[in-house]
Amino acid sequence: MAETIRPWRVIGRRTVYASGWMDMQLVDVQLPDGSVINGIHMVDYKFAAAGVVALTTDGRVLLVDHYRFQTDTRSWEVPAGKVDAGETPEEAIGRELREETGYQGESFLYLGHYYPSNGSSNQVFHLFLARNVRRLGEIEDTNEVQGLRAFKLAEVRGMIARNEILDGMSLTALCWAIARGEVS
């Protein structure tokens, strides 16, 4: 594999806020022309996140009704959450699927990963698809999840087209699954 060329060189970094979830840093960089930019804001996330497009045996997509206080919005989202320390992204989505839906997946197909805001953070999202999920019990995480529904793919496509799914991870996961022909 070729060496990564880094045209922007980090020459300084200061943490101005730290928590168990993320740090806020001010980063000084030198550009290829030699000029320096001081104090670029960067959010340093300590944990990755993972989400799953969960398909029932009849091909419906499980989505959770989630309220987000940060934006004061409710939206249908794929089950998702933080990848805990010592946990793989696949283990995390298995856990999140059980906690947020009461369903279990037998196997997971990795759709890919991406950086949702790479101009200001290092946060990474891992996305999966689970087919033939089966119900084991009730929703465990009732603080986060307001409800659960299994949607036909045509309904999901319509919700995407009407801008009714507001969560970036959910949009990316659903669009990747649709574009790859994994849902029909």
N, C-alpha and C. Protein backbone atom coordinates (compact mmCIF):
# COMPACT_ATOMS: atom_id res chain seq x y z
N MET A 1 0.85 -1.17 0.00
CA MET A 1 0.00 0.00 0.00
C MET A 1 0.90 1.24 0.00
N ALA A 2 0.52 2.21 -0.77
CA ALA A 2 1.30 3.45 -0.88
C ALA A 2 1.22 4.25 0.41
N GLU A 3 2.29 4.97 0.69
CA GLU A 3 2.33 5.82 1.88
C GLU A 3 1.35 6.98 1.70
N THR A 4 0.67 7.36 2.79
CA THR A 4 -0.25 8.48 2.75
C THR A 4 0.53 9.78 2.65
N ILE A 5 0.22 10.58 1.65
CA ILE A 5 0.84 11.89 1.50
C ILE A 5 0.01 12.87 2.31
N ARG A 6 0.65 13.58 3.19
CA ARG A 6 -0.04 14.53 4.07
C ARG A 6 0.37 15.95 3.70
N PRO A 7 -0.34 16.58 2.77
CA PRO A 7 0.04 17.94 2.37
C PRO A 7 -0.18 18.98 3.47
N TRP A 8 -1.07 18.72 4.40
CA TRP A 8 -1.26 19.60 5.56
C TRP A 8 -0.54 18.92 6.72
N ARG A 9 0.43 19.59 7.31
CA ARG A 9 1.22 19.02 8.39
C ARG A 9 0.79 19.63 9.72
N VAL A 10 0.40 18.76 10.67
CA VAL A 10 0.02 19.22 12.01
C VAL A 10 1.29 19.62 12.74
N ILE A 11 1.31 20.86 13.21
CA ILE A 11 2.49 21.36 13.93
C ILE A 11 2.18 21.69 15.39
N GLY A 12 0.93 21.64 15.76
CA GLY A 12 0.54 21.90 17.14
C GLY A 12 -0.88 21.47 17.40
N ARG A 13 -1.15 21.09 18.65
CA ARG A 13 -2.49 20.61 19.01
C ARG A 13 -2.71 20.92 20.49
N ARG A 14 -3.85 21.54 20.81
CA ARG A 14 -4.20 21.86 22.18
C ARG A 14 -5.61 21.38 22.46
N THR A 15 -5.78 20.65 23.53
CA THR A 15 -7.11 20.22 23.95
C THR A 15 -7.71 21.32 24.80
N VAL A 16 -8.87 21.84 24.38
CA VAL A 16 -9.53 22.93 25.13
C VAL A 16 -10.74 22.43 25.91
N TYR A 17 -11.16 21.20 25.63
CA TYR A 17 -12.25 20.57 26.36
C TYR A 17 -12.06 19.06 26.24
N ALA A 18 -12.29 18.34 27.31
CA ALA A 18 -12.17 16.88 27.28
C ALA A 18 -13.30 16.25 28.07
N SER A 19 -13.83 15.14 27.53
CA SER A 19 -14.85 14.36 28.22
C SER A 19 -14.61 12.89 27.90
N GLY A 20 -15.40 12.04 28.46
CA GLY A 20 -15.29 10.62 28.17
C GLY A 20 -15.74 10.25 26.77
N TRP A 21 -16.44 11.14 26.11
CA TRP A 21 -17.00 10.88 24.79
C TRP A 21 -16.16 11.50 23.67
N MET A 22 -15.70 12.75 23.90
CA MET A 22 -14.95 13.45 22.87
C MET A 22 -14.12 14.56 23.47
N ASP A 23 -13.14 15.01 22.69
CA ASP A 23 -12.32 16.17 23.06
C ASP A 23 -12.52 17.24 21.99
N MET A 24 -12.38 18.48 22.39
CA MET A 24 -12.34 19.58 21.44
C MET A 24 -10.90 20.07 21.40
N GLN A 25 -10.34 20.12 20.21
CA GLN A 25 -8.96 20.53 20.06
C GLN A 25 -8.85 21.74 19.15
N LEU A 26 -7.80 22.52 19.37
CA LEU A 26 -7.39 23.56 18.44
C LEU A 26 -6.10 23.07 17.81
N VAL A 27 -6.10 22.98 16.50
CA VAL A 27 -4.99 22.38 15.78
C VAL A 27 -4.34 23.44 14.89
N ASP A 28 -3.00 23.48 14.92
CA ASP A 28 -2.22 24.36 14.06
C ASP A 28 -1.64 23.50 12.94
N VAL A 29 -1.80 23.97 11.69
CA VAL A 29 -1.31 23.20 10.55
C VAL A 29 -0.47 24.08 9.62
N GLN A 30 0.48 23.42 8.98
CA GLN A 30 1.26 24.09 7.95
C GLN A 30 0.79 23.57 6.60
N LEU A 31 0.47 24.48 5.69
CA LEU A 31 -0.03 24.14 4.37
C LEU A 31 1.14 23.86 3.41
N PRO A 32 0.86 23.25 2.26
CA PRO A 32 1.92 22.94 1.30
C PRO A 32 2.75 24.16 0.88
N ASP A 33 2.15 25.34 0.86
CA ASP A 33 2.91 26.53 0.45
C ASP A 33 3.72 27.12 1.58
N GLY A 34 3.70 26.47 2.77
CA GLY A 34 4.48 26.93 3.90
C GLY A 34 3.72 27.82 4.86
N SER A 35 2.56 28.31 4.47
CA SER A 35 1.79 29.16 5.37
C SER A 35 1.21 28.32 6.50
N VAL A 36 0.87 28.99 7.60
CA VAL A 36 0.38 28.31 8.79
C VAL A 36 -1.00 28.83 9.14
N ILE A 37 -1.89 27.90 9.48
CA ILE A 37 -3.20 28.25 10.03
C ILE A 37 -3.21 27.78 11.47
N ASN A 38 -3.48 28.68 12.39
CA ASN A 38 -3.52 28.36 13.81
C ASN A 38 -4.96 28.23 14.29
N GLY A 39 -5.16 27.27 15.18
CA GLY A 39 -6.43 27.18 15.90
C GLY A 39 -7.62 26.67 15.11
N ILE A 40 -7.41 25.68 14.24
CA ILE A 40 -8.55 25.05 13.56
C ILE A 40 -9.27 24.16 14.57
N HIS A 41 -10.58 24.34 14.69
CA HIS A 41 -11.37 23.54 15.63
C HIS A 41 -11.50 22.12 15.10
N MET A 42 -11.28 21.14 15.99
CA MET A 42 -11.46 19.73 15.62
C MET A 42 -12.09 18.99 16.79
N VAL A 43 -13.11 18.21 16.49
CA VAL A 43 -13.72 17.35 17.50
C VAL A 43 -13.08 15.97 17.35
N ASP A 44 -12.45 15.51 18.42
CA ASP A 44 -11.76 14.22 18.44
C ASP A 44 -12.65 13.22 19.18
N TYR A 45 -13.35 12.38 18.40
CA TYR A 45 -14.24 11.38 18.99
C TYR A 45 -13.44 10.19 19.47
N LYS A 46 -13.73 9.71 20.66
CA LYS A 46 -12.99 8.60 21.24
C LYS A 46 -13.55 7.24 20.84
N PHE A 47 -14.75 7.23 20.30
CA PHE A 47 -15.40 5.98 19.92
C PHE A 47 -16.02 6.11 18.53
N ALA A 48 -15.97 5.04 17.78
CA ALA A 48 -16.68 4.97 16.51
C ALA A 48 -18.16 4.72 16.81
N ALA A 49 -18.98 4.82 15.78
CA ALA A 49 -20.40 4.47 15.88
C ALA A 49 -20.72 3.48 14.77
N ALA A 50 -21.79 2.74 14.95
CA ALA A 50 -22.19 1.74 13.95
C ALA A 50 -23.71 1.71 13.85
N GLY A 51 -24.18 1.39 12.66
CA GLY A 51 -25.62 1.29 12.42
C GLY A 51 -25.92 0.12 11.50
N VAL A 52 -27.19 -0.31 11.52
CA VAL A 52 -27.56 -1.49 10.75
C VAL A 52 -28.92 -1.30 10.07
N VAL A 53 -28.97 -1.64 8.79
CA VAL A 53 -30.22 -1.76 8.06
C VAL A 53 -30.71 -3.18 8.35
N ALA A 54 -31.76 -3.29 9.14
CA ALA A 54 -32.27 -4.59 9.57
C ALA A 54 -33.50 -4.96 8.75
N LEU A 55 -33.41 -6.10 8.07
CA LEU A 55 -34.50 -6.57 7.22
C LEU A 55 -35.19 -7.76 7.85
N THR A 56 -36.51 -7.71 7.92
CA THR A 56 -37.30 -8.81 8.45
C THR A 56 -37.36 -9.93 7.40
N THR A 57 -37.92 -11.07 7.78
CA THR A 57 -38.01 -12.20 6.87
C THR A 57 -38.84 -11.89 5.62
N ASP A 58 -39.78 -10.93 5.74
CA ASP A 58 -40.57 -10.54 4.57
C ASP A 58 -40.00 -9.31 3.85
N GLY A 59 -38.76 -8.94 4.16
CA GLY A 59 -38.07 -7.87 3.44
C GLY A 59 -38.39 -6.46 3.88
N ARG A 60 -39.07 -6.31 4.99
CA ARG A 60 -39.34 -4.96 5.51
C ARG A 60 -38.12 -4.44 6.27
N VAL A 61 -38.02 -3.11 6.32
CA VAL A 61 -36.90 -2.45 6.98
C VAL A 61 -37.35 -1.97 8.36
N LEU A 62 -36.64 -2.42 9.40
CA LEU A 62 -36.95 -1.97 10.76
C LEU A 62 -36.32 -0.61 11.00
N LEU A 63 -37.15 0.36 11.41
CA LEU A 63 -36.65 1.68 11.77
C LEU A 63 -37.19 2.04 13.15
N VAL A 64 -36.37 2.79 13.89
CA VAL A 64 -36.78 3.23 15.22
C VAL A 64 -37.14 4.70 15.17
N ASP A 65 -38.15 5.07 15.94
CA ASP A 65 -38.59 6.45 16.09
C ASP A 65 -37.71 7.06 17.17
N HIS A 66 -36.92 8.04 16.78
CA HIS A 66 -35.93 8.61 17.70
C HIS A 66 -36.12 10.12 17.82
N TYR A 67 -36.14 10.60 19.04
CA TYR A 67 -36.15 12.04 19.29
C TYR A 67 -34.73 12.49 19.57
N ARG A 68 -34.30 13.59 18.91
CA ARG A 68 -32.96 14.15 19.10
C ARG A 68 -33.11 15.55 19.70
N PHE A 69 -32.72 15.69 20.96
CA PHE A 69 -32.86 16.99 21.62
C PHE A 69 -31.95 18.04 20.99
N GLN A 70 -30.82 17.61 20.40
CA GLN A 70 -29.88 18.56 19.82
C GLN A 70 -30.51 19.38 18.70
N THR A 71 -31.39 18.76 17.95
CA THR A 71 -32.07 19.44 16.84
C THR A 71 -33.56 19.61 17.09
N ASP A 72 -34.05 19.09 18.22
CA ASP A 72 -35.46 19.12 18.57
C ASP A 72 -36.31 18.52 17.45
N THR A 73 -35.87 17.33 16.98
CA THR A 73 -36.57 16.65 15.89
C THR A 73 -36.80 15.18 16.23
N ARG A 74 -37.81 14.63 15.61
CA ARG A 74 -38.05 13.18 15.63
C ARG A 74 -37.89 12.68 14.22
N SER A 75 -37.31 11.50 14.10
CA SER A 75 -37.07 10.93 12.77
C SER A 75 -37.00 9.41 12.88
N TRP A 76 -37.34 8.75 11.79
CA TRP A 76 -37.12 7.31 11.70
C TRP A 76 -35.66 7.09 11.39
N GLU A 77 -35.03 6.19 12.15
CA GLU A 77 -33.60 5.93 12.02
C GLU A 77 -33.32 4.44 12.03
N VAL A 78 -32.17 4.06 11.46
CA VAL A 78 -31.72 2.68 11.60
C VAL A 78 -31.21 2.50 13.03
N PRO A 79 -31.29 1.30 13.58
CA PRO A 79 -30.71 1.06 14.90
C PRO A 79 -29.21 1.34 14.85
N ALA A 80 -28.72 2.07 15.83
CA ALA A 80 -27.31 2.49 15.79
C ALA A 80 -26.84 2.91 17.17
N GLY A 81 -25.53 3.02 17.30
CA GLY A 81 -24.97 3.52 18.54
C GLY A 81 -23.47 3.44 18.58
N LYS A 82 -22.93 3.76 19.74
CA LYS A 82 -21.49 3.81 19.97
C LYS A 82 -20.90 2.40 19.97
N VAL A 83 -19.69 2.30 19.43
CA VAL A 83 -18.91 1.07 19.54
C VAL A 83 -18.14 1.16 20.85
N ASP A 84 -18.53 0.35 21.83
CA ASP A 84 -17.89 0.40 23.14
C ASP A 84 -16.44 -0.08 23.08
N ALA A 85 -15.65 0.33 24.04
CA ALA A 85 -14.25 -0.11 24.13
C ALA A 85 -14.20 -1.63 24.17
N GLY A 86 -13.32 -2.22 23.38
CA GLY A 86 -13.17 -3.67 23.33
C GLY A 86 -14.20 -4.38 22.48
N GLU A 87 -15.06 -3.64 21.83
CA GLU A 87 -16.16 -4.20 21.03
C GLU A 87 -15.87 -3.92 19.55
N THR A 88 -16.18 -4.87 18.69
CA THR A 88 -16.06 -4.61 17.25
C THR A 88 -17.31 -3.88 16.78
N PRO A 89 -17.24 -3.20 15.63
CA PRO A 89 -18.46 -2.58 15.10
C PRO A 89 -19.59 -3.59 14.89
N GLU A 90 -19.27 -4.80 14.46
CA GLU A 90 -20.31 -5.82 14.26
C GLU A 90 -20.95 -6.22 15.59
N GLU A 91 -20.15 -6.37 16.64
CA GLU A 91 -20.71 -6.67 17.96
C GLU A 91 -21.60 -5.53 18.43
N ALA A 92 -21.18 -4.29 18.15
CA ALA A 92 -21.96 -3.13 18.58
C ALA A 92 -23.33 -3.10 17.90
N ILE A 93 -23.39 -3.39 16.60
CA ILE A 93 -24.70 -3.32 15.95
C ILE A 93 -25.59 -4.49 16.37
N GLY A 94 -24.99 -5.62 16.70
CA GLY A 94 -25.79 -6.72 17.25
C GLY A 94 -26.43 -6.32 18.57
N ARG A 95 -25.63 -5.68 19.43
CA ARG A 95 -26.13 -5.20 20.72
C ARG A 95 -27.18 -4.11 20.54
N GLU A 96 -26.88 -3.12 19.69
CA GLU A 96 -27.82 -2.02 19.47
C GLU A 96 -29.13 -2.51 18.87
N LEU A 97 -29.06 -3.45 17.95
CA LEU A 97 -30.27 -4.02 17.34
C LEU A 97 -31.15 -4.63 18.42
N ARG A 98 -30.56 -5.41 19.33
CA ARG A 98 -31.34 -6.02 20.43
C ARG A 98 -31.90 -4.95 21.36
N GLU A 99 -31.07 -3.97 21.75
CA GLU A 99 -31.51 -2.96 22.70
C GLU A 99 -32.60 -2.06 22.14
N GLU A 100 -32.45 -1.64 20.87
CA GLU A 100 -33.36 -0.65 20.30
C GLU A 100 -34.59 -1.24 19.63
N THR A 101 -34.55 -2.54 19.28
CA THR A 101 -35.69 -3.12 18.57
C THR A 101 -36.24 -4.39 19.21
N GLY A 102 -35.44 -5.08 20.01
CA GLY A 102 -35.85 -6.39 20.52
C GLY A 102 -35.62 -7.50 19.52
N TYR A 103 -34.98 -7.19 18.39
CA TYR A 103 -34.71 -8.17 17.35
C TYR A 103 -33.25 -8.60 17.38
N GLN A 104 -32.99 -9.75 16.76
CA GLN A 104 -31.63 -10.27 16.66
C GLN A 104 -31.33 -10.62 15.21
N GLY A 105 -30.10 -10.33 14.81
CA GLY A 105 -29.65 -10.71 13.48
C GLY A 105 -28.76 -11.93 13.57
N GLU A 106 -28.84 -12.79 12.55
CA GLU A 106 -28.00 -13.98 12.53
C GLU A 106 -26.61 -13.67 11.98
N SER A 107 -26.57 -12.86 10.95
CA SER A 107 -25.29 -12.48 10.35
C SER A 107 -25.42 -11.06 9.80
N PHE A 108 -24.28 -10.44 9.64
CA PHE A 108 -24.25 -9.05 9.21
C PHE A 108 -23.32 -8.88 8.02
N LEU A 109 -23.78 -8.13 7.03
CA LEU A 109 -22.97 -7.80 5.86
C LEU A 109 -22.45 -6.38 6.05
N TYR A 110 -21.14 -6.22 5.94
CA TYR A 110 -20.53 -4.90 6.10
C TYR A 110 -20.75 -4.09 4.84
N LEU A 111 -21.41 -2.93 4.98
CA LEU A 111 -21.67 -2.05 3.83
C LEU A 111 -20.52 -1.07 3.61
N GLY A 112 -19.86 -0.66 4.68
CA GLY A 112 -18.75 0.28 4.56
C GLY A 112 -18.69 1.23 5.74
N HIS A 113 -17.75 2.16 5.65
CA HIS A 113 -17.60 3.17 6.70
C HIS A 113 -17.42 4.53 6.04
N TYR A 114 -17.67 5.58 6.80
CA TYR A 114 -17.48 6.94 6.29
C TYR A 114 -17.29 7.90 7.45
N TYR A 115 -16.85 9.10 7.11
CA TYR A 115 -16.62 10.17 8.09
C TYR A 115 -17.71 11.22 7.87
N PRO A 116 -18.67 11.34 8.78
CA PRO A 116 -19.82 12.21 8.54
C PRO A 116 -19.52 13.71 8.54
N SER A 117 -18.41 14.08 9.12
CA SER A 117 -18.09 15.50 9.17
C SER A 117 -16.58 15.67 9.17
N ASN A 118 -15.93 15.19 8.10
CA ASN A 118 -14.47 15.12 8.09
C ASN A 118 -13.77 16.47 7.98
N GLY A 119 -14.51 17.55 7.84
CA GLY A 119 -13.91 18.87 7.86
C GLY A 119 -13.77 19.42 9.27
N SER A 120 -14.39 18.74 10.25
CA SER A 120 -14.31 19.26 11.62
C SER A 120 -14.16 18.18 12.68
N SER A 121 -14.18 16.89 12.28
CA SER A 121 -14.04 15.84 13.28
C SER A 121 -13.44 14.58 12.65
N ASN A 122 -13.04 13.66 13.52
CA ASN A 122 -12.53 12.36 13.07
C ASN A 122 -13.55 11.25 13.29
N GLN A 123 -14.78 11.60 13.55
CA GLN A 123 -15.82 10.60 13.82
C GLN A 123 -15.96 9.67 12.63
N VAL A 124 -16.13 8.37 12.90
CA VAL A 124 -16.30 7.38 11.85
C VAL A 124 -17.55 6.55 12.15
N PHE A 125 -18.32 6.27 11.10
CA PHE A 125 -19.52 5.44 11.20
C PHE A 125 -19.30 4.17 10.36
N HIS A 126 -19.61 3.01 10.95
CA HIS A 126 -19.56 1.72 10.27
C HIS A 126 -21.00 1.27 10.03
N LEU A 127 -21.29 0.82 8.81
CA LEU A 127 -22.66 0.46 8.46
C LEU A 127 -22.76 -1.00 8.00
N PHE A 128 -23.86 -1.63 8.41
CA PHE A 128 -24.09 -3.04 8.14
C PHE A 128 -25.50 -3.27 7.63
N LEU A 129 -25.71 -4.46 7.10
CA LEU A 129 -27.04 -4.93 6.71
C LEU A 129 -27.26 -6.27 7.41
N ALA A 130 -28.44 -6.48 7.96
CA ALA A 130 -28.82 -7.76 8.56
C ALA A 130 -30.10 -8.22 7.89
N ARG A 131 -30.09 -9.44 7.41
CA ARG A 131 -31.28 -10.02 6.78
C ARG A 131 -31.95 -11.00 7.76
N ASN A 132 -33.26 -11.20 7.54
CA ASN A 132 -34.03 -12.20 8.29
C ASN A 132 -33.88 -12.04 9.81
N VAL A 133 -33.95 -10.79 10.27
CA VAL A 133 -33.88 -10.58 11.72
C VAL A 133 -35.14 -11.14 12.36
N ARG A 134 -35.01 -11.59 13.58
CA ARG A 134 -36.16 -12.17 14.27
C ARG A 134 -36.32 -11.54 15.65
N ARG A 135 -37.56 -11.44 16.05
CA ARG A 135 -37.88 -10.79 17.32
C ARG A 135 -37.58 -11.74 18.48
N LEU A 136 -36.86 -11.18 19.47
CA LEU A 136 -36.55 -11.94 20.68
C LEU A 136 -37.34 -11.44 21.88
N GLY A 137 -37.66 -10.15 21.86
CA GLY A 137 -38.34 -9.57 23.01
C GLY A 137 -38.74 -8.13 22.73
N GLU A 138 -38.88 -7.38 23.80
CA GLU A 138 -39.31 -5.99 23.71
C GLU A 138 -38.11 -5.06 23.56
N ILE A 139 -38.41 -3.81 23.20
CA ILE A 139 -37.38 -2.77 23.14
C ILE A 139 -36.83 -2.59 24.55
N GLU A 140 -35.51 -2.66 24.68
CA GLU A 140 -34.87 -2.49 25.99
C GLU A 140 -34.57 -1.03 26.28
N ASP A 141 -34.17 -0.28 25.27
CA ASP A 141 -33.73 1.10 25.47
C ASP A 141 -34.88 2.07 25.22
N THR A 142 -35.79 2.13 26.19
CA THR A 142 -36.97 2.99 26.04
C THR A 142 -36.66 4.46 26.30
N ASN A 143 -35.48 4.78 26.80
CA ASN A 143 -35.09 6.18 26.95
C ASN A 143 -34.78 6.81 25.60
N GLU A 144 -34.22 6.03 24.69
CA GLU A 144 -33.84 6.56 23.39
C GLU A 144 -34.92 6.34 22.33
N VAL A 145 -35.51 5.17 22.34
CA VAL A 145 -36.42 4.77 21.26
C VAL A 145 -37.86 5.06 21.65
N GLN A 146 -38.55 5.82 20.80
CA GLN A 146 -39.95 6.16 21.02
C GLN A 146 -40.90 5.11 20.45
N GLY A 147 -40.41 4.36 19.45
CA GLY A 147 -41.23 3.35 18.81
C GLY A 147 -40.45 2.60 17.76
N LEU A 148 -41.09 1.62 17.17
CA LEU A 148 -40.47 0.74 16.17
C LEU A 148 -41.50 0.43 15.11
N ARG A 149 -41.05 0.37 13.86
CA ARG A 149 -41.96 0.00 12.78
C ARG A 149 -41.18 -0.68 11.68
N ALA A 150 -41.81 -1.66 11.04
CA ALA A 150 -41.24 -2.34 9.88
C ALA A 150 -41.87 -1.72 8.62
N PHE A 151 -41.03 -1.10 7.79
CA PHE A 151 -41.50 -0.40 6.59
C PHE A 151 -41.22 -1.21 5.33
N LYS A 152 -42.15 -1.13 4.36
CA LYS A 152 -41.88 -1.66 3.03
C LYS A 152 -40.82 -0.77 2.38
N LEU A 153 -40.02 -1.35 1.49
CA LEU A 153 -38.97 -0.58 0.83
C LEU A 153 -39.53 0.62 0.09
N ALA A 154 -40.68 0.48 -0.53
CA ALA A 154 -41.29 1.62 -1.25
C ALA A 154 -41.58 2.77 -0.28
N GLU A 155 -42.00 2.44 0.94
CA GLU A 155 -42.23 3.48 1.94
C GLU A 155 -40.93 4.18 2.32
N VAL A 156 -39.87 3.41 2.49
CA VAL A 156 -38.57 3.98 2.85
C VAL A 156 -38.07 4.89 1.74
N ARG A 157 -38.18 4.43 0.49
CA ARG A 157 -37.77 5.27 -0.65
C ARG A 157 -38.55 6.59 -0.66
N GLY A 158 -39.85 6.52 -0.39
CA GLY A 158 -40.67 7.72 -0.36
C GLY A 158 -40.27 8.65 0.77
N MET A 159 -39.98 8.09 1.93
CA MET A 159 -39.54 8.91 3.06
C MET A 159 -38.22 9.61 2.75
N ILE A 160 -37.31 8.91 2.08
CA ILE A 160 -36.05 9.53 1.69
C ILE A 160 -36.32 10.66 0.70
N ALA A 161 -37.15 10.40 -0.30
CA ALA A 161 -37.45 11.41 -1.33
C ALA A 161 -38.14 12.65 -0.73
N ARG A 162 -38.95 12.45 0.30
CA ARG A 162 -39.68 13.57 0.92
C ARG A 162 -38.90 14.23 2.06
N ASN A 163 -37.65 13.85 2.25
CA ASN A 163 -36.80 14.43 3.30
C ASN A 163 -37.38 14.17 4.69
N GLU A 164 -37.93 12.99 4.90
CA GLU A 164 -38.52 12.65 6.19
C GLU A 164 -37.56 11.86 7.08
N ILE A 165 -36.50 11.31 6.51
CA ILE A 165 -35.46 10.67 7.30
C ILE A 165 -34.34 11.69 7.42
N LEU A 166 -34.13 12.18 8.64
CA LEU A 166 -33.25 13.32 8.85
C LEU A 166 -31.85 12.95 9.34
N ASP A 167 -31.66 11.73 9.75
CA ASP A 167 -30.40 11.28 10.31
C ASP A 167 -29.43 10.86 9.20
N GLY A 168 -28.23 11.45 9.22
CA GLY A 168 -27.24 11.18 8.18
C GLY A 168 -26.78 9.74 8.13
N MET A 169 -26.57 9.11 9.29
CA MET A 169 -26.16 7.71 9.28
C MET A 169 -27.23 6.84 8.66
N SER A 170 -28.49 7.11 9.00
CA SER A 170 -29.59 6.32 8.46
C SER A 170 -29.71 6.50 6.95
N LEU A 171 -29.62 7.75 6.51
CA LEU A 171 -29.69 8.01 5.06
C LEU A 171 -28.58 7.29 4.31
N THR A 172 -27.37 7.38 4.82
CA THR A 172 -26.24 6.73 4.15
C THR A 172 -26.43 5.22 4.13
N ALA A 173 -26.78 4.63 5.26
CA ALA A 173 -26.97 3.18 5.34
C ALA A 173 -28.06 2.71 4.38
N LEU A 174 -29.20 3.39 4.40
CA LEU A 174 -30.31 2.99 3.53
C LEU A 174 -29.96 3.17 2.06
N CYS A 175 -29.34 4.30 1.72
CA CYS A 175 -28.97 4.54 0.32
C CYS A 175 -27.92 3.54 -0.16
N TRP A 176 -26.94 3.22 0.69
CA TRP A 176 -25.94 2.21 0.30
C TRP A 176 -26.60 0.85 0.09
N ALA A 177 -27.48 0.46 0.99
CA ALA A 177 -28.15 -0.85 0.86
C ALA A 177 -28.98 -0.88 -0.42
N ILE A 178 -29.68 0.20 -0.71
CA ILE A 178 -30.50 0.27 -1.93
C ILE A 178 -29.60 0.27 -3.17
N ALA A 179 -28.55 1.10 -3.17
CA ALA A 179 -27.65 1.20 -4.34
C ALA A 179 -26.94 -0.12 -4.63
N ARG A 180 -26.62 -0.88 -3.60
CA ARG A 180 -25.94 -2.17 -3.78
C ARG A 180 -26.92 -3.28 -4.14
N GLY A 181 -28.22 -2.97 -4.16
CA GLY A 181 -29.21 -3.98 -4.49
C GLY A 181 -29.44 -4.99 -3.36
N GLU A 182 -29.08 -4.61 -2.14
CA GLU A 182 -29.22 -5.52 -1.00
C GLU A 182 -30.65 -5.57 -0.46
N VAL A 183 -31.45 -4.58 -0.81
CA VAL A 183 -32.86 -4.59 -0.42
C VAL A 183 -33.70 -4.46 -1.68
N SER A 184 -34.82 -5.14 -1.69
CA SER A 184 -35.67 -5.08 -2.88
C SER A 184 -37.13 -5.19 -2.50
